N, C-alpha and C. Protein backbone atom coordinates (compact mmCIF):
# COMPACT_ATOMS: atom_id res chain seq x y z
N GLU A 1 -3.24 8.30 -3.23
CA GLU A 1 -3.59 6.96 -3.68
C GLU A 1 -4.03 6.11 -2.49
N VAL A 2 -5.17 5.48 -2.63
CA VAL A 2 -5.67 4.61 -1.57
C VAL A 2 -4.90 3.30 -1.58
N GLN A 3 -4.47 2.90 -0.40
CA GLN A 3 -3.79 1.61 -0.26
C GLN A 3 -4.29 0.88 0.98
N LEU A 4 -4.51 -0.41 0.82
CA LEU A 4 -4.82 -1.31 1.92
C LEU A 4 -3.83 -2.45 1.81
N VAL A 5 -3.01 -2.62 2.84
CA VAL A 5 -1.97 -3.63 2.79
C VAL A 5 -2.15 -4.60 3.94
N GLU A 6 -2.44 -5.86 3.58
CA GLU A 6 -2.63 -6.90 4.58
C GLU A 6 -1.29 -7.56 4.93
N SER A 7 -1.20 -8.03 6.17
CA SER A 7 -0.03 -8.81 6.59
C SER A 7 -0.45 -9.72 7.74
N GLY A 8 0.41 -10.68 8.05
CA GLY A 8 0.17 -11.54 9.19
C GLY A 8 -0.32 -12.94 8.88
N GLY A 9 -0.56 -13.22 7.62
CA GLY A 9 -1.00 -14.57 7.27
C GLY A 9 0.10 -15.60 7.49
N GLY A 10 -0.28 -16.87 7.46
CA GLY A 10 0.70 -17.92 7.65
C GLY A 10 0.04 -19.26 7.84
N LEU A 11 0.84 -20.21 8.31
CA LEU A 11 0.39 -21.58 8.53
C LEU A 11 0.26 -21.84 10.02
N ARG A 12 -0.90 -22.36 10.41
CA ARG A 12 -1.13 -22.73 11.81
C ARG A 12 -1.82 -24.08 11.85
N GLN A 13 -1.65 -24.75 12.99
CA GLN A 13 -2.42 -25.97 13.25
C GLN A 13 -3.79 -25.58 13.79
N ALA A 14 -4.72 -26.48 13.63
CA ALA A 14 -6.06 -26.25 14.17
C ALA A 14 -5.95 -25.97 15.67
N GLY A 15 -6.73 -25.00 16.12
CA GLY A 15 -6.68 -24.59 17.51
C GLY A 15 -5.74 -23.43 17.78
N GLY A 16 -4.91 -23.10 16.81
CA GLY A 16 -3.94 -22.04 16.97
C GLY A 16 -4.53 -20.66 16.72
N SER A 17 -3.65 -19.67 16.75
CA SER A 17 -4.07 -18.27 16.59
C SER A 17 -3.19 -17.54 15.58
N LEU A 18 -3.75 -16.50 14.99
CA LEU A 18 -3.04 -15.59 14.10
C LEU A 18 -3.65 -14.21 14.26
N ARG A 19 -2.85 -13.19 14.03
CA ARG A 19 -3.37 -11.83 13.99
C ARG A 19 -3.03 -11.21 12.64
N LEU A 20 -4.06 -10.83 11.92
CA LEU A 20 -3.88 -10.15 10.64
C LEU A 20 -3.93 -8.64 10.86
N SER A 21 -3.17 -7.93 10.04
CA SER A 21 -3.17 -6.47 10.07
C SER A 21 -3.52 -5.92 8.70
N CYS A 22 -4.20 -4.79 8.71
CA CYS A 22 -4.54 -4.08 7.48
C CYS A 22 -4.13 -2.62 7.67
N ALA A 23 -3.08 -2.23 6.99
CA ALA A 23 -2.59 -0.85 7.08
C ALA A 23 -3.21 -0.03 5.96
N ALA A 24 -3.88 1.05 6.33
CA ALA A 24 -4.62 1.87 5.37
C ALA A 24 -3.93 3.22 5.15
N SER A 25 -4.03 3.73 3.95
CA SER A 25 -3.50 5.06 3.66
C SER A 25 -4.23 5.63 2.47
N GLY A 26 -4.19 6.97 2.34
CA GLY A 26 -4.75 7.62 1.17
C GLY A 26 -6.21 8.01 1.29
N PHE A 27 -6.83 7.83 2.47
CA PHE A 27 -8.22 8.27 2.66
C PHE A 27 -8.44 8.62 4.12
N THR A 28 -9.58 9.27 4.39
CA THR A 28 -9.89 9.71 5.75
C THR A 28 -10.37 8.52 6.56
N PHE A 29 -9.47 7.93 7.28
CA PHE A 29 -9.67 6.63 7.92
C PHE A 29 -10.92 6.59 8.78
N ASP A 30 -11.12 7.63 9.61
CA ASP A 30 -12.20 7.55 10.60
C ASP A 30 -13.58 7.80 10.01
N ARG A 31 -13.68 7.95 8.73
CA ARG A 31 -14.99 8.08 8.08
C ARG A 31 -15.39 6.83 7.31
N TYR A 32 -14.59 5.79 7.47
CA TYR A 32 -14.80 4.58 6.70
C TYR A 32 -15.21 3.41 7.57
N THR A 33 -15.74 2.41 6.94
CA THR A 33 -15.94 1.09 7.53
C THR A 33 -14.94 0.16 6.86
N ILE A 34 -14.21 -0.58 7.69
CA ILE A 34 -13.18 -1.49 7.18
C ILE A 34 -13.63 -2.92 7.45
N GLY A 35 -13.45 -3.76 6.46
CA GLY A 35 -13.88 -5.13 6.61
C GLY A 35 -12.82 -6.15 6.24
N TRP A 36 -12.95 -7.33 6.81
CA TRP A 36 -12.15 -8.49 6.42
C TRP A 36 -13.06 -9.47 5.70
N PHE A 37 -12.59 -9.92 4.56
CA PHE A 37 -13.29 -10.91 3.76
C PHE A 37 -12.33 -12.04 3.48
N ARG A 38 -12.85 -13.18 3.07
CA ARG A 38 -11.96 -14.30 2.76
C ARG A 38 -12.50 -15.09 1.58
N GLN A 39 -11.58 -15.74 0.90
CA GLN A 39 -11.97 -16.59 -0.22
C GLN A 39 -11.17 -17.87 -0.16
N ALA A 40 -11.88 -18.96 0.04
CA ALA A 40 -11.27 -20.28 0.07
C ALA A 40 -11.20 -20.82 -1.35
N PRO A 41 -10.29 -21.77 -1.60
CA PRO A 41 -10.17 -22.34 -2.95
C PRO A 41 -11.49 -22.90 -3.45
N GLY A 42 -11.89 -22.47 -4.63
CA GLY A 42 -13.12 -22.96 -5.23
C GLY A 42 -14.40 -22.40 -4.66
N LYS A 43 -14.28 -21.43 -3.78
CA LYS A 43 -15.48 -20.86 -3.16
C LYS A 43 -15.56 -19.36 -3.43
N GLU A 44 -16.74 -18.80 -3.20
CA GLU A 44 -16.93 -17.37 -3.38
C GLU A 44 -16.34 -16.60 -2.19
N ARG A 45 -16.00 -15.36 -2.45
CA ARG A 45 -15.51 -14.51 -1.39
C ARG A 45 -16.66 -14.22 -0.41
N GLU A 46 -16.36 -14.22 0.88
CA GLU A 46 -17.38 -14.00 1.88
C GLU A 46 -16.89 -13.04 2.95
N GLY A 47 -17.83 -12.38 3.60
CA GLY A 47 -17.50 -11.48 4.68
C GLY A 47 -17.13 -12.24 5.94
N VAL A 48 -16.20 -11.69 6.69
CA VAL A 48 -15.76 -12.28 7.95
C VAL A 48 -16.13 -11.36 9.11
N SER A 49 -15.67 -10.13 9.03
CA SER A 49 -15.91 -9.18 10.11
C SER A 49 -15.66 -7.77 9.60
N CYS A 50 -16.41 -6.82 10.14
CA CYS A 50 -16.26 -5.42 9.75
C CYS A 50 -16.31 -4.53 10.98
N ILE A 51 -15.69 -3.36 10.85
CA ILE A 51 -15.69 -2.39 11.94
C ILE A 51 -15.92 -1.00 11.37
N SER A 52 -16.85 -0.30 11.99
CA SER A 52 -17.08 1.09 11.62
C SER A 52 -16.13 1.96 12.44
N ILE A 53 -15.18 2.57 11.79
CA ILE A 53 -14.14 3.30 12.51
C ILE A 53 -14.73 4.48 13.29
N SER A 54 -15.77 5.10 12.79
CA SER A 54 -16.32 6.30 13.42
C SER A 54 -16.85 6.05 14.83
N ASP A 55 -17.50 4.89 15.04
CA ASP A 55 -18.03 4.63 16.38
C ASP A 55 -17.56 3.33 16.99
N GLY A 56 -16.71 2.61 16.27
CA GLY A 56 -16.15 1.37 16.81
C GLY A 56 -17.07 0.18 16.79
N SER A 57 -18.25 0.31 16.19
CA SER A 57 -19.16 -0.83 16.17
C SER A 57 -18.57 -1.94 15.30
N THR A 58 -18.79 -3.17 15.76
CA THR A 58 -18.19 -4.33 15.09
C THR A 58 -19.27 -5.31 14.66
N TYR A 59 -18.96 -6.06 13.63
CA TYR A 59 -19.90 -6.99 13.04
C TYR A 59 -19.16 -8.26 12.65
N TYR A 60 -19.80 -9.42 12.87
CA TYR A 60 -19.15 -10.69 12.63
C TYR A 60 -20.07 -11.66 11.89
N ALA A 61 -19.46 -12.46 11.04
CA ALA A 61 -20.17 -13.58 10.46
C ALA A 61 -20.41 -14.63 11.54
N ASP A 62 -21.50 -15.36 11.45
CA ASP A 62 -21.82 -16.37 12.46
C ASP A 62 -20.70 -17.40 12.59
N SER A 63 -20.02 -17.69 11.50
CA SER A 63 -19.00 -18.74 11.50
C SER A 63 -17.77 -18.37 12.32
N VAL A 64 -17.59 -17.09 12.64
CA VAL A 64 -16.39 -16.68 13.38
C VAL A 64 -16.70 -16.03 14.72
N LYS A 65 -17.97 -15.86 15.03
CA LYS A 65 -18.34 -15.24 16.31
C LYS A 65 -17.77 -16.03 17.47
N GLY A 66 -17.18 -15.31 18.42
CA GLY A 66 -16.59 -15.96 19.58
C GLY A 66 -15.18 -16.43 19.37
N ARG A 67 -14.71 -16.44 18.12
CA ARG A 67 -13.34 -16.89 17.82
C ARG A 67 -12.48 -15.75 17.29
N PHE A 68 -13.06 -14.88 16.48
CA PHE A 68 -12.33 -13.78 15.85
C PHE A 68 -12.73 -12.47 16.50
N THR A 69 -11.76 -11.55 16.57
CA THR A 69 -12.02 -10.21 17.11
C THR A 69 -11.41 -9.17 16.18
N ILE A 70 -12.22 -8.22 15.75
CA ILE A 70 -11.73 -7.13 14.92
C ILE A 70 -11.53 -5.90 15.79
N SER A 71 -10.47 -5.16 15.51
CA SER A 71 -10.18 -3.94 16.27
C SER A 71 -9.44 -2.96 15.37
N SER A 72 -9.32 -1.74 15.85
CA SER A 72 -8.59 -0.74 15.05
C SER A 72 -7.71 0.11 15.94
N ASP A 73 -6.60 0.54 15.36
CA ASP A 73 -5.73 1.54 15.99
C ASP A 73 -5.80 2.76 15.08
N ASN A 74 -6.61 3.72 15.46
CA ASN A 74 -6.86 4.85 14.57
C ASN A 74 -5.62 5.71 14.35
N ALA A 75 -4.78 5.79 15.35
CA ALA A 75 -3.54 6.58 15.20
C ALA A 75 -2.64 5.95 14.14
N LYS A 76 -2.65 4.64 14.06
CA LYS A 76 -1.82 3.94 13.08
C LYS A 76 -2.58 3.66 11.79
N LYS A 77 -3.87 3.99 11.76
CA LYS A 77 -4.71 3.70 10.59
C LYS A 77 -4.59 2.22 10.21
N THR A 78 -4.73 1.40 11.21
CA THR A 78 -4.57 -0.05 11.02
C THR A 78 -5.74 -0.78 11.68
N VAL A 79 -6.25 -1.77 10.98
CA VAL A 79 -7.29 -2.64 11.49
C VAL A 79 -6.71 -4.04 11.66
N TYR A 80 -7.06 -4.67 12.77
CA TYR A 80 -6.54 -6.00 13.08
C TYR A 80 -7.67 -7.02 13.10
N LEU A 81 -7.32 -8.25 12.82
CA LEU A 81 -8.23 -9.37 12.97
C LEU A 81 -7.50 -10.43 13.78
N GLN A 82 -7.88 -10.55 15.04
CA GLN A 82 -7.32 -11.59 15.90
C GLN A 82 -8.14 -12.86 15.71
N MET A 83 -7.47 -13.91 15.27
CA MET A 83 -8.16 -15.16 14.97
C MET A 83 -7.68 -16.23 15.94
N ASN A 84 -8.58 -16.71 16.78
CA ASN A 84 -8.28 -17.76 17.74
C ASN A 84 -9.06 -19.02 17.41
N SER A 85 -8.66 -20.11 18.02
CA SER A 85 -9.35 -21.39 17.82
C SER A 85 -9.54 -21.67 16.33
N LEU A 86 -8.48 -21.52 15.59
CA LEU A 86 -8.56 -21.67 14.13
C LEU A 86 -8.98 -23.09 13.75
N LYS A 87 -9.73 -23.17 12.66
CA LYS A 87 -10.21 -24.44 12.13
C LYS A 87 -9.71 -24.60 10.70
N PRO A 88 -9.60 -25.81 10.21
CA PRO A 88 -9.18 -26.00 8.81
C PRO A 88 -10.07 -25.24 7.83
N GLU A 89 -11.34 -25.10 8.14
CA GLU A 89 -12.25 -24.39 7.24
C GLU A 89 -12.02 -22.88 7.23
N ASP A 90 -11.13 -22.39 8.10
CA ASP A 90 -10.74 -20.98 8.04
C ASP A 90 -9.67 -20.73 6.98
N THR A 91 -9.15 -21.78 6.39
CA THR A 91 -8.14 -21.64 5.35
C THR A 91 -8.69 -20.86 4.17
N ALA A 92 -7.99 -19.78 3.82
CA ALA A 92 -8.45 -18.91 2.74
C ALA A 92 -7.45 -17.77 2.55
N VAL A 93 -7.61 -17.05 1.47
CA VAL A 93 -6.94 -15.77 1.32
C VAL A 93 -7.83 -14.72 1.99
N TYR A 94 -7.26 -13.95 2.90
CA TYR A 94 -8.01 -12.94 3.63
C TYR A 94 -7.71 -11.56 3.04
N TYR A 95 -8.78 -10.86 2.73
CA TYR A 95 -8.68 -9.55 2.12
C TYR A 95 -9.22 -8.47 3.07
N CYS A 96 -8.58 -7.33 3.02
CA CYS A 96 -9.05 -6.15 3.72
C CYS A 96 -9.74 -5.26 2.69
N ALA A 97 -10.84 -4.62 3.11
CA ALA A 97 -11.57 -3.75 2.19
C ALA A 97 -12.12 -2.54 2.95
N ALA A 98 -12.40 -1.47 2.23
CA ALA A 98 -12.88 -0.24 2.84
C ALA A 98 -14.12 0.29 2.13
N ASP A 99 -15.07 0.72 2.94
CA ASP A 99 -16.34 1.28 2.46
C ASP A 99 -16.44 2.70 3.00
N ASP A 100 -16.75 3.66 2.16
CA ASP A 100 -16.76 5.06 2.60
C ASP A 100 -18.03 5.44 3.36
N THR A 101 -18.80 4.45 3.80
CA THR A 101 -19.99 4.71 4.62
C THR A 101 -19.68 4.42 6.08
N PRO A 102 -19.82 5.42 6.97
CA PRO A 102 -19.58 5.18 8.41
C PRO A 102 -20.82 4.59 9.07
N TYR A 103 -21.02 3.29 8.93
CA TYR A 103 -22.20 2.64 9.47
C TYR A 103 -22.27 2.73 10.99
N SER A 104 -23.51 2.70 11.47
CA SER A 104 -23.72 2.68 12.92
C SER A 104 -25.07 2.06 13.20
N GLY A 105 -25.12 1.15 14.17
CA GLY A 105 -26.38 0.58 14.62
C GLY A 105 -27.16 -0.16 13.54
N THR A 106 -26.44 -0.95 12.77
CA THR A 106 -27.13 -1.70 11.72
C THR A 106 -26.73 -3.16 11.81
N THR A 107 -26.93 -3.91 10.75
CA THR A 107 -26.70 -5.34 10.81
C THR A 107 -25.43 -5.74 10.08
N TYR A 108 -24.95 -6.93 10.38
CA TYR A 108 -23.77 -7.48 9.71
C TYR A 108 -23.98 -7.50 8.21
N TYR A 109 -25.14 -7.97 7.78
CA TYR A 109 -25.39 -8.15 6.34
C TYR A 109 -25.42 -6.82 5.61
N ARG A 110 -25.76 -5.73 6.30
CA ARG A 110 -25.77 -4.41 5.68
C ARG A 110 -24.35 -3.87 5.56
N VAL A 111 -23.53 -4.18 6.56
CA VAL A 111 -22.19 -3.59 6.63
C VAL A 111 -21.16 -4.40 5.86
N CYS A 112 -21.10 -5.69 6.12
CA CYS A 112 -20.09 -6.56 5.52
C CYS A 112 -20.57 -7.08 4.18
N ASN A 113 -20.75 -6.16 3.29
CA ASN A 113 -21.30 -6.46 1.97
C ASN A 113 -20.21 -6.25 0.92
N LEU A 114 -19.86 -7.30 0.19
CA LEU A 114 -18.80 -7.20 -0.82
C LEU A 114 -19.08 -6.07 -1.80
N ASN A 115 -20.32 -5.94 -2.20
CA ASN A 115 -20.66 -4.97 -3.23
C ASN A 115 -20.57 -3.54 -2.73
N GLY A 116 -20.55 -3.37 -1.40
CA GLY A 116 -20.48 -2.03 -0.83
C GLY A 116 -19.06 -1.51 -0.64
N MET A 117 -18.08 -2.38 -0.79
CA MET A 117 -16.69 -1.98 -0.55
C MET A 117 -16.14 -1.21 -1.76
N ASP A 118 -15.42 -0.13 -1.43
CA ASP A 118 -14.88 0.72 -2.48
C ASP A 118 -13.43 0.39 -2.84
N TYR A 119 -12.69 -0.11 -1.86
CA TYR A 119 -11.27 -0.39 -2.08
C TYR A 119 -10.92 -1.75 -1.47
N TRP A 120 -9.96 -2.42 -2.11
CA TRP A 120 -9.54 -3.76 -1.68
C TRP A 120 -8.03 -3.85 -1.62
N GLY A 121 -7.56 -4.65 -0.64
CA GLY A 121 -6.17 -5.01 -0.62
C GLY A 121 -5.91 -6.23 -1.49
N LYS A 122 -4.67 -6.69 -1.50
CA LYS A 122 -4.30 -7.82 -2.37
C LYS A 122 -4.42 -9.16 -1.67
N GLY A 123 -4.59 -9.15 -0.35
CA GLY A 123 -4.84 -10.37 0.38
C GLY A 123 -3.62 -10.98 1.03
N THR A 124 -3.89 -11.81 2.05
CA THR A 124 -2.85 -12.57 2.72
C THR A 124 -3.38 -13.96 2.99
N LEU A 125 -2.54 -14.97 2.78
CA LEU A 125 -2.98 -16.35 2.84
C LEU A 125 -2.90 -16.89 4.27
N VAL A 126 -3.99 -17.49 4.70
CA VAL A 126 -4.05 -18.19 6.00
C VAL A 126 -4.32 -19.67 5.71
N THR A 127 -3.47 -20.52 6.24
CA THR A 127 -3.63 -21.95 6.06
C THR A 127 -3.69 -22.60 7.43
N VAL A 128 -4.74 -23.37 7.67
CA VAL A 128 -4.91 -24.05 8.95
C VAL A 128 -4.90 -25.55 8.69
N SER A 129 -3.96 -26.23 9.29
CA SER A 129 -3.84 -27.67 9.09
C SER A 129 -4.56 -28.42 10.21
N SER A 130 -5.04 -29.61 9.87
CA SER A 130 -5.79 -30.40 10.86
C SER A 130 -4.86 -31.28 11.67
């Protein structure tokens, strides 16, 4: 059974940091692309950052470039999202998702595509106060 379990959400003041974790199981981790998506109240779900586990290539939404860093620990089958310089507009439920395509050398919009994800976690809430 495929499982993606997010953790690490919480409440921070603007300018603070959080690290989210996504623990994966039930599939061949290094053949997948793992992504972080978020959904703010009243808004559509959007891509944040994705990583192709096979070659380590990373992709970021313009809104988080320079502030967020995605990484993976392949031995632990875990993907992390380090979020620094948090802003109130980062407040959202953050979801981890997996795509069975090992992307390489392509664009953010091709990789971090909601419709391309095969599996989803249940999400973790991040709240940033001003």
